[in-house]
Amino acid sequence: MTLTVDSDRAVPVELDAICVGVADRDLGGGAFGRTYRLEGRLGRLPQTLAVESGAATAALAWSRGYRGGVPVALDAASVSFDDDLTLRLDRCPRAHPGAIGEVSMAPAPSGRLVASMGQGGAVVVAVDATGAAVIDAAGGALIATPITGAAGTAVVAFDADGDCDDDLAVATAATMTLFTRDGTTFTAGATFLGAVALVAFDADRDGDQDLVAGAGGALALYKNDGSGGFAPGMAIDDGNAVSAVSALAAGDLDGDGNADLIVGQASAAPVVLVGDASGTGVLTLAPAVFPPVTLVVRDLALADVDGDLDLDLVVALDGAPARVYVNRDGRLEDQSFVRLPQPAPTATAAVAGDWDGDCAPDLVLAAAASAALRGGNDGLFAAESALATATAAAFGDVDDDGDPDLLLAGSGAVRWYRR
């Protein structure tokens, strides 16, 4: 069969790399995954890949699109080997505008949630200081499977070894551990110094995912050797602007094709470090990007709120209403009063993504009174649904039906919502 990856996003302005994965539905069967830079003879879409079935009778295929070293699109579908297949990394996902309803709940850690894609389909990983678990769905119910040794207070899912599935880095204040995904199992590997916040992106534009860890007033960049080996953390020169890291996010704020780093802090102004346009992996303090306002940041989420093809920023604050900062030529402007329903919700975590398929990102705020906010093509958010008390949130297609699901974690349980 022929697998095609296509998109209505412009190359390289909106997509500059893709990864492609194909895996036997039998977790003991074969799997293939690889990342490709969209340059040279591959500098366009569509691209095709010939797939031989081997001993497999059914498989899962998926593709992820990157921009500035950060994932921006994902599509997955079942493979029967009877027909060719096209995966689409479009600006707008398939429409699914139905009402939000709770499906299932399972006891699970409730500190942090991240989505992971790979052989075995999409899962969500739940982590807190007491343990970690893989959250999956079967027969309309959530299933939580513990991950040995993965307790932590910070977590990021990313493709560490270049095979197009999402591995993990999990950290406590003392230790950070890498976990490799195999099917739906995660196995502990190398360990490094601890961190309170983690983020992954391709810092040096070599096609693999690097890792930034932050704690206190220190930021460290772990460069990937392309096969999942990471060099010891290289200190990032922040100009002494970082004093109390509390959250990290990465994305191309200035439109130069390189990921920039946003550092949320506890009781200090957020800091932005911009990636070197030549792709060296150097991050440089850009003091004019974020307003110099002291905040206590709990979480950061990037999304194109106003539809102008650049990234805006949602900030969840400790004990204060969430804020939205709109990107104006690489500078972030506080437009919370205009963009968010007032009074804006107070939240501990935020997740943004187009949940209803209308080409506008929606926003979920995890809080004592969690809220789903529907984004509009005018760049405004409107209250849509009240949700359960939660401390963490993630979008992930846990039932592998092609539509994003919402997972909320809180009070020792994870809840599954879908449209």
Protein backbone atom coordinates (compact mmCIF):
# COMPACT_ATOMS: atom_id res chain seq x y z
CA MET A 1 0.00 0.00 0.00
CA THR A 2 1.00 3.65 -0.41
CA LEU A 3 0.84 5.96 2.60
CA THR A 4 0.55 9.65 1.71
CA VAL A 5 1.08 12.58 4.05
CA ASP A 6 -0.50 15.84 2.88
CA SER A 7 -1.52 19.19 4.35
CA ASP A 8 -3.01 22.56 3.48
CA ARG A 9 -0.28 24.16 5.63
CA ALA A 10 2.45 25.92 3.68
CA VAL A 11 5.93 24.38 3.66
CA PRO A 12 8.16 25.52 5.34
CA VAL A 13 6.27 28.52 6.76
CA GLU A 14 3.71 26.43 8.66
CA LEU A 15 5.32 22.96 8.55
CA ASP A 16 9.04 22.34 8.35
CA ALA A 17 9.27 18.67 9.41
CA ILE A 18 7.10 15.59 9.73
CA CYS A 19 7.43 12.20 11.31
CA VAL A 20 5.70 9.07 10.04
CA GLY A 21 4.91 5.95 12.06
CA VAL A 22 3.37 2.63 11.03
CA ALA A 23 2.92 -0.19 13.55
CA ASP A 24 1.31 -3.63 13.64
CA ARG A 25 -1.86 -3.65 15.74
CA ASP A 26 -0.34 -6.65 17.48
CA LEU A 27 1.97 -5.08 20.07
CA GLY A 28 4.42 -7.93 19.48
CA GLY A 29 4.60 -7.13 15.76
CA GLY A 30 6.80 -4.77 13.77
CA ALA A 31 6.87 -1.00 13.77
CA PHE A 32 8.48 1.74 11.69
CA GLY A 33 8.99 5.40 12.55
CA ARG A 34 11.14 8.21 11.21
CA THR A 35 11.37 12.01 11.18
CA TYR A 36 11.93 13.94 7.95
CA ARG A 37 12.94 17.59 7.49
CA LEU A 38 10.83 19.19 4.74
CA GLU A 39 13.75 20.57 2.79
CA GLY A 40 15.68 19.80 -0.39
CA ARG A 41 13.92 17.08 -2.40
CA LEU A 42 11.49 16.64 0.51
CA GLY A 43 10.67 20.35 0.66
CA ARG A 44 6.99 19.98 -0.17
CA LEU A 45 3.84 18.02 0.56
CA PRO A 46 2.38 15.57 -0.33
CA GLN A 47 5.02 12.94 0.34
CA THR A 48 4.48 9.18 -0.08
CA LEU A 49 5.82 6.06 1.60
CA ALA A 50 5.48 2.48 0.35
CA VAL A 51 4.41 0.13 3.17
CA GLU A 52 4.72 -3.65 3.03
CA SER A 53 2.36 -5.59 5.27
CA GLY A 54 4.75 -8.40 6.17
CA ALA A 55 2.96 -10.66 8.65
CA ALA A 56 0.57 -7.91 9.80
CA THR A 57 -3.12 -8.05 8.95
CA ALA A 58 -3.95 -4.67 10.50
CA ALA A 59 -1.85 -1.70 11.50
CA LEU A 60 -1.98 1.86 12.79
CA ALA A 61 -0.42 4.73 10.82
CA TRP A 62 0.18 8.22 12.13
CA SER A 63 2.00 11.39 11.19
CA ARG A 64 2.99 14.43 13.21
CA GLY A 65 3.82 17.84 11.77
CA TYR A 66 6.39 20.19 13.29
CA ARG A 67 6.98 23.91 13.05
CA GLY A 68 10.10 25.40 14.57
CA GLY A 69 10.84 22.09 16.24
CA VAL A 70 7.48 21.94 18.04
CA PRO A 71 4.56 19.57 17.18
CA VAL A 72 1.64 21.45 15.62
CA ALA A 73 -0.49 18.74 13.95
CA LEU A 74 -1.27 15.04 14.24
CA ASP A 75 -3.32 12.57 12.25
CA ALA A 76 -3.76 8.80 12.67
CA ALA A 77 -5.79 6.08 10.97
CA SER A 78 -6.18 2.32 10.82
CA VAL A 79 -4.47 0.42 8.01
CA SER A 80 -6.04 -2.69 6.48
CA PHE A 81 -3.51 -3.02 3.60
CA ASP A 82 -6.42 -3.33 1.17
CA ASP A 83 -6.31 0.33 0.10
CA ASP A 84 -3.92 3.26 0.04
CA LEU A 85 -4.17 5.77 2.87
CA THR A 86 -3.73 9.55 3.22
CA LEU A 87 -2.97 11.25 6.52
CA ARG A 88 -3.70 14.99 6.65
CA LEU A 89 -1.90 17.57 8.77
CA ASP A 90 -4.35 20.36 8.02
CA ARG A 91 -4.93 23.66 9.79
CA CYS A 92 -8.44 22.55 10.69
CA PRO A 93 -9.21 19.04 12.01
CA ARG A 94 -12.33 17.13 11.09
CA ALA A 95 -15.44 18.77 12.55
CA HIS A 96 -16.91 17.29 15.73
CA PRO A 97 -19.05 20.09 17.22
CA GLY A 98 -21.27 18.02 19.55
CA ALA A 99 -21.98 18.69 23.19
CA ILE A 100 -19.35 17.78 25.79
CA GLY A 101 -20.14 14.74 27.94
CA GLU A 102 -18.29 12.74 30.57
CA VAL A 103 -17.65 9.14 29.52
CA SER A 104 -15.66 7.40 32.23
CA MET A 105 -13.44 7.87 35.28
CA ALA A 106 -10.54 5.83 36.69
CA PRO A 107 -8.40 6.14 39.84
CA ALA A 108 -5.01 7.52 38.75
CA PRO A 109 -2.29 10.02 39.69
CA SER A 110 -3.55 13.56 39.28
CA GLY A 111 -0.63 15.97 39.22
CA ARG A 112 0.23 16.25 35.50
CA LEU A 113 -1.17 14.85 32.23
CA VAL A 114 0.53 14.47 28.82
CA ALA A 115 -0.61 12.79 25.61
CA SER A 116 1.60 10.17 23.93
CA MET A 117 1.24 8.64 20.45
CA GLY A 118 2.85 5.41 19.24
CA GLN A 119 2.31 1.70 18.62
CA GLY A 120 -0.85 0.82 20.51
CA GLY A 121 -2.42 4.16 19.66
CA ALA A 122 -2.90 7.35 21.64
CA VAL A 123 -2.63 7.22 25.43
CA VAL A 124 -2.38 9.82 28.16
CA VAL A 125 0.19 9.56 30.93
CA ALA A 126 -0.78 10.73 34.42
CA VAL A 127 1.99 11.61 36.88
CA ASP A 128 2.21 12.91 40.42
CA ALA A 129 4.58 12.65 43.37
CA THR A 130 3.14 9.26 44.35
CA GLY A 131 3.28 7.44 41.00
CA ALA A 132 2.45 7.39 37.30
CA ALA A 133 0.07 5.50 35.01
CA VAL A 134 -0.78 5.01 31.34
CA ILE A 135 -4.40 6.03 30.74
CA ASP A 136 -6.10 4.26 27.84
CA ALA A 137 -9.66 3.37 26.87
CA ALA A 138 -11.33 0.06 26.05
CA GLY A 139 -15.01 -0.72 25.72
CA GLY A 140 -15.99 2.83 26.65
CA ALA A 141 -14.09 2.81 29.95
CA LEU A 142 -10.75 4.21 31.08
CA ILE A 143 -7.98 1.83 32.12
CA ALA A 144 -5.02 2.97 34.24
CA THR A 145 -1.81 0.89 34.09
CA PRO A 146 1.00 1.87 36.50
CA ILE A 147 4.45 2.89 35.21
CA THR A 148 7.20 1.67 37.49
CA GLY A 149 9.50 4.35 38.86
CA ALA A 150 7.87 7.28 37.11
CA ALA A 151 6.60 9.33 40.04
CA GLY A 152 7.34 13.02 39.57
CA THR A 153 6.12 16.59 39.58
CA ALA A 154 7.10 17.51 36.01
CA VAL A 155 6.63 15.53 32.80
CA VAL A 156 6.91 15.99 29.04
CA ALA A 157 6.07 13.56 26.23
CA PHE A 158 8.32 13.83 23.17
CA ASP A 159 10.01 11.72 20.50
CA ALA A 160 13.38 11.18 22.17
CA ASP A 161 14.76 8.49 19.82
CA GLY A 162 13.43 9.55 16.42
CA ASP A 163 10.96 6.70 15.86
CA CYS A 164 7.84 8.93 15.82
CA ASP A 165 6.42 7.66 19.09
CA ASP A 166 6.30 9.77 22.25
CA ASP A 167 8.72 8.85 24.99
CA LEU A 168 8.76 10.57 28.38
CA ALA A 169 10.94 12.66 30.63
CA VAL A 170 9.73 12.69 34.23
CA ALA A 171 11.33 14.81 36.92
CA THR A 172 11.33 15.47 40.63
CA ALA A 173 13.33 18.25 42.25
CA ALA A 174 16.15 15.70 42.71
CA THR A 175 16.18 13.57 39.51
CA MET A 176 15.00 13.56 35.90
CA THR A 177 14.52 10.17 34.22
CA LEU A 178 13.97 9.33 30.55
CA PHE A 179 11.41 6.62 29.71
CA THR A 180 11.32 4.92 26.29
CA ARG A 181 7.96 3.94 24.85
CA ASP A 182 7.56 0.39 23.49
CA GLY A 183 3.96 -0.30 22.52
CA THR A 184 2.08 1.17 25.46
CA THR A 185 4.84 0.37 27.96
CA PHE A 186 7.40 2.89 29.24
CA THR A 187 10.83 1.71 30.41
CA ALA A 188 13.20 3.79 32.54
CA GLY A 189 16.56 4.78 31.09
CA ALA A 190 19.12 7.52 31.69
CA THR A 191 18.85 9.88 34.64
CA PHE A 192 19.91 13.51 35.01
CA LEU A 193 19.63 16.37 37.50
CA GLY A 194 16.13 17.17 38.73
CA ALA A 195 13.76 19.88 37.51
CA VAL A 196 10.45 21.53 38.30
CA ALA A 197 9.49 22.15 34.65
CA LEU A 198 10.32 20.48 31.30
CA VAL A 199 9.77 21.21 27.61
CA ALA A 200 11.01 19.57 24.40
CA PHE A 201 11.71 21.06 20.97
CA ASP A 202 14.30 20.94 18.18
CA ALA A 203 16.62 23.66 19.48
CA ASP A 204 19.41 23.20 16.91
CA ARG A 205 17.32 22.35 13.83
CA ASP A 206 18.94 18.97 13.27
CA GLY A 207 15.64 17.08 13.12
CA ASP A 208 15.53 15.60 16.61
CA GLN A 209 13.93 16.73 19.84
CA ASP A 210 16.08 18.39 22.49
CA LEU A 211 15.06 18.93 26.10
CA VAL A 212 15.09 21.97 28.38
CA ALA A 213 14.82 21.51 32.14
CA GLY A 214 14.31 24.33 34.62
CA ALA A 215 14.58 24.65 38.40
CA GLY A 216 15.04 27.69 40.60
CA GLY A 217 17.14 30.20 38.66
CA ALA A 218 18.70 27.65 36.30
CA LEU A 219 17.84 26.46 32.78
CA ALA A 220 19.66 23.53 31.17
CA LEU A 221 19.55 22.39 27.53
CA TYR A 222 20.04 18.66 26.86
CA LYS A 223 20.93 18.16 23.18
CA ASN A 224 19.76 14.97 21.48
CA ASP A 225 22.30 12.94 19.49
CA GLY A 226 19.52 11.68 17.19
CA SER A 227 19.10 8.25 18.77
CA GLY A 228 17.84 9.24 22.22
CA GLY A 229 21.18 10.01 23.85
CA PHE A 230 21.34 13.37 25.60
CA ALA A 231 24.42 15.42 26.40
CA PRO A 232 24.61 16.68 30.01
CA GLY A 233 22.66 19.88 30.44
CA MET A 234 24.30 22.97 28.99
CA ALA A 235 23.48 26.12 30.95
CA ILE A 236 21.35 28.68 29.10
CA ASP A 237 22.45 32.30 29.53
CA ASP A 238 19.29 34.09 30.67
CA GLY A 239 20.97 37.35 31.62
CA ASN A 240 20.06 36.72 35.27
CA ALA A 241 16.39 37.24 34.40
CA VAL A 242 15.34 33.78 35.63
CA SER A 243 14.99 33.32 39.39
CA ALA A 244 12.14 30.86 40.06
CA VAL A 245 11.13 28.60 37.15
CA SER A 246 7.57 27.29 37.49
CA ALA A 247 6.51 26.43 33.89
CA LEU A 248 8.04 26.14 30.42
CA ALA A 249 6.66 26.31 26.87
CA ALA A 250 8.26 26.47 23.43
CA GLY A 251 7.13 27.73 20.03
CA ASP A 252 8.10 30.07 17.21
CA LEU A 253 6.96 33.46 18.49
CA ASP A 254 8.91 35.65 16.06
CA GLY A 255 8.29 33.70 12.84
CA ASP A 256 11.92 32.97 12.01
CA GLY A 257 11.46 29.19 11.90
CA ASN A 258 13.12 28.51 15.25
CA ALA A 259 11.45 27.65 18.53
CA ASP A 260 11.60 30.25 21.28
CA LEU A 261 11.44 29.45 24.99
CA ILE A 262 8.89 30.94 27.38
CA VAL A 263 9.73 30.68 31.08
CA GLY A 264 6.94 31.12 33.60
CA GLN A 265 8.08 32.05 37.09
CA ALA A 266 6.83 32.13 40.66
CA SER A 267 6.67 35.75 41.86
CA ALA A 268 8.61 37.21 38.92
CA ALA A 269 7.92 38.33 35.37
CA PRO A 270 7.85 35.61 32.69
CA VAL A 271 10.94 35.50 30.50
CA VAL A 272 11.29 34.84 26.76
CA LEU A 273 14.50 33.55 25.15
CA VAL A 274 14.53 33.53 21.36
CA GLY A 275 16.11 30.83 19.24
CA ASP A 276 19.03 31.72 16.99
CA ALA A 277 17.81 32.13 13.41
CA SER A 278 20.85 30.23 12.11
CA GLY A 279 19.81 27.13 14.08
CA THR A 280 22.79 26.87 16.43
CA GLY A 281 20.65 26.02 19.45
CA VAL A 282 21.61 29.23 21.25
CA LEU A 283 18.78 30.90 23.16
CA THR A 284 19.05 34.65 23.79
CA LEU A 285 17.15 36.76 26.30
CA ALA A 286 14.55 39.01 24.63
CA PRO A 287 13.34 41.31 27.41
CA ALA A 288 10.86 43.24 25.26
CA VAL A 289 8.71 40.25 24.24
CA PHE A 290 6.73 39.84 27.48
CA PRO A 291 5.39 42.73 29.59
CA PRO A 292 7.55 43.23 32.73
CA VAL A 293 4.75 42.31 35.15
CA THR A 294 5.30 40.08 38.18
CA LEU A 295 3.12 36.95 38.00
CA VAL A 296 2.88 33.61 39.80
CA VAL A 297 2.63 31.24 36.82
CA ARG A 298 1.21 27.72 37.15
CA ASP A 299 1.00 26.71 33.49
CA LEU A 300 1.55 27.95 29.92
CA ALA A 301 -0.25 27.01 26.68
CA LEU A 302 0.51 28.24 23.16
CA ALA A 303 -2.11 28.53 20.40
CA ASP A 304 -3.01 30.78 17.47
CA VAL A 305 -5.89 32.49 19.24
CA ASP A 306 -6.63 35.17 16.62
CA GLY A 307 -6.03 33.19 13.42
CA ASP A 308 -3.10 35.21 12.07
CA LEU A 309 -0.75 32.19 11.87
CA ASP A 310 1.45 33.18 14.80
CA LEU A 311 1.42 31.82 18.34
CA ASP A 312 -0.35 33.50 21.23
CA LEU A 313 0.02 32.59 24.90
CA VAL A 314 -2.44 31.46 27.59
CA VAL A 315 -1.19 31.75 31.17
CA ALA A 316 -2.73 30.00 34.20
CA LEU A 317 -1.90 31.87 37.42
CA ASP A 318 -1.84 30.90 41.07
CA GLY A 319 -4.86 32.46 42.77
CA ALA A 320 -5.58 34.91 39.93
CA PRO A 321 -7.65 34.87 36.71
CA ALA A 322 -6.09 33.28 33.64
CA ARG A 323 -4.66 35.60 31.01
CA VAL A 324 -4.32 35.65 27.22
CA TYR A 325 -1.38 37.40 25.55
CA VAL A 326 -1.75 38.03 21.82
CA ASN A 327 1.32 38.02 19.58
CA ARG A 328 1.92 41.34 17.87
CA ASP A 329 4.96 41.01 15.60
CA GLY A 330 6.83 38.93 18.15
CA ARG A 331 5.71 40.84 21.24
CA LEU A 332 3.05 39.51 23.60
CA GLU A 333 0.25 41.92 24.50
CA ASP A 334 -2.19 41.30 27.36
CA GLN A 335 -5.68 41.09 25.84
CA SER A 336 -7.26 39.01 28.60
CA PHE A 337 -10.16 41.37 29.22
CA VAL A 338 -11.14 41.28 25.53
CA ARG A 339 -10.47 37.61 24.76
CA LEU A 340 -11.74 35.82 27.88
CA PRO A 341 -15.24 35.80 29.43
CA GLN A 342 -15.29 38.05 32.49
CA PRO A 343 -14.63 37.40 35.26
CA ALA A 344 -11.97 35.12 33.77
CA PRO A 345 -11.62 31.72 35.47
CA THR A 346 -8.80 31.03 37.91
CA ALA A 347 -6.96 27.82 37.01
CA THR A 348 -3.97 25.65 37.88
CA ALA A 349 -3.50 24.30 34.35
CA ALA A 350 -4.48 25.21 30.78
CA VAL A 351 -4.70 23.23 27.54
CA ALA A 352 -5.53 24.71 24.13
CA GLY A 353 -6.55 23.00 20.90
CA ASP A 354 -9.28 22.90 18.26
CA TRP A 355 -11.69 20.48 19.93
CA ASP A 356 -14.79 21.19 17.80
CA GLY A 357 -13.23 21.42 14.33
CA ASP A 358 -14.10 25.06 13.56
CA CYS A 359 -10.49 26.14 12.91
CA ALA A 360 -10.31 28.12 16.16
CA PRO A 361 -8.51 26.84 19.28
CA ASP A 362 -10.65 26.02 22.28
CA LEU A 363 -9.41 26.34 25.84
CA VAL A 364 -9.84 24.13 28.90
CA LEU A 365 -8.89 25.51 32.31
CA ALA A 366 -8.37 22.97 35.10
CA ALA A 367 -9.53 24.42 38.39
CA ALA A 368 -11.76 23.95 41.41
CA ALA A 369 -14.51 24.77 38.92
CA SER A 370 -12.95 23.65 35.62
CA ALA A 371 -14.23 25.31 32.47
CA ALA A 372 -14.33 24.53 28.76
CA LEU A 373 -14.17 27.72 26.69
CA ARG A 374 -15.08 27.62 23.01
CA GLY A 375 -12.84 29.69 20.75
CA GLY A 376 -14.31 31.61 17.84
CA ASN A 377 -12.96 32.81 14.51
CA ASP A 378 -13.04 36.32 16.00
CA GLY A 379 -10.36 35.27 18.49
CA LEU A 380 -12.72 35.45 21.47
CA PHE A 381 -13.43 32.68 24.00
CA ALA A 382 -16.94 31.98 25.28
CA ALA A 383 -17.94 29.81 28.23
CA GLU A 384 -19.25 26.48 26.93
CA SER A 385 -19.34 23.89 29.71
CA ALA A 386 -18.60 23.49 33.41
CA LEU A 387 -16.40 20.48 34.17
CA ALA A 388 -15.24 18.57 37.25
CA THR A 389 -12.69 19.83 39.74
CA ALA A 390 -9.22 19.22 38.32
CA THR A 391 -5.54 20.08 38.66
CA ALA A 392 -4.39 18.99 35.19
CA ALA A 393 -5.75 18.62 31.66
CA ALA A 394 -4.72 17.13 28.30
CA PHE A 395 -6.20 16.43 24.88
CA GLY A 396 -5.59 12.87 23.63
CA ASP A 397 -7.57 10.48 21.43
CA VAL A 398 -7.65 7.66 23.98
CA ASP A 399 -10.33 5.67 22.10
CA ASP A 400 -8.51 6.05 18.75
CA ASP A 401 -11.62 7.13 16.88
CA GLY A 402 -9.98 10.12 15.18
CA ASP A 403 -11.53 12.77 17.42
CA PRO A 404 -9.67 14.45 20.29
CA ASP A 405 -10.78 13.57 23.81
CA LEU A 406 -10.27 15.61 26.97
CA LEU A 407 -8.73 14.08 30.08
CA LEU A 408 -8.99 15.92 33.42
CA ALA A 409 -7.08 14.82 36.52
CA GLY A 410 -7.88 15.70 40.11
CA SER A 411 -8.49 14.20 43.55
CA GLY A 412 -6.77 10.91 42.69
CA ALA A 413 -8.74 10.22 39.50
CA VAL A 414 -8.75 10.93 35.77
CA ARG A 415 -12.00 11.76 33.94
CA TRP A 416 -12.64 11.30 30.23
CA TYR A 417 -14.75 13.79 28.26
CA ARG A 418 -15.63 13.73 24.57
CA ARG A 419 -17.96 15.45 22.12
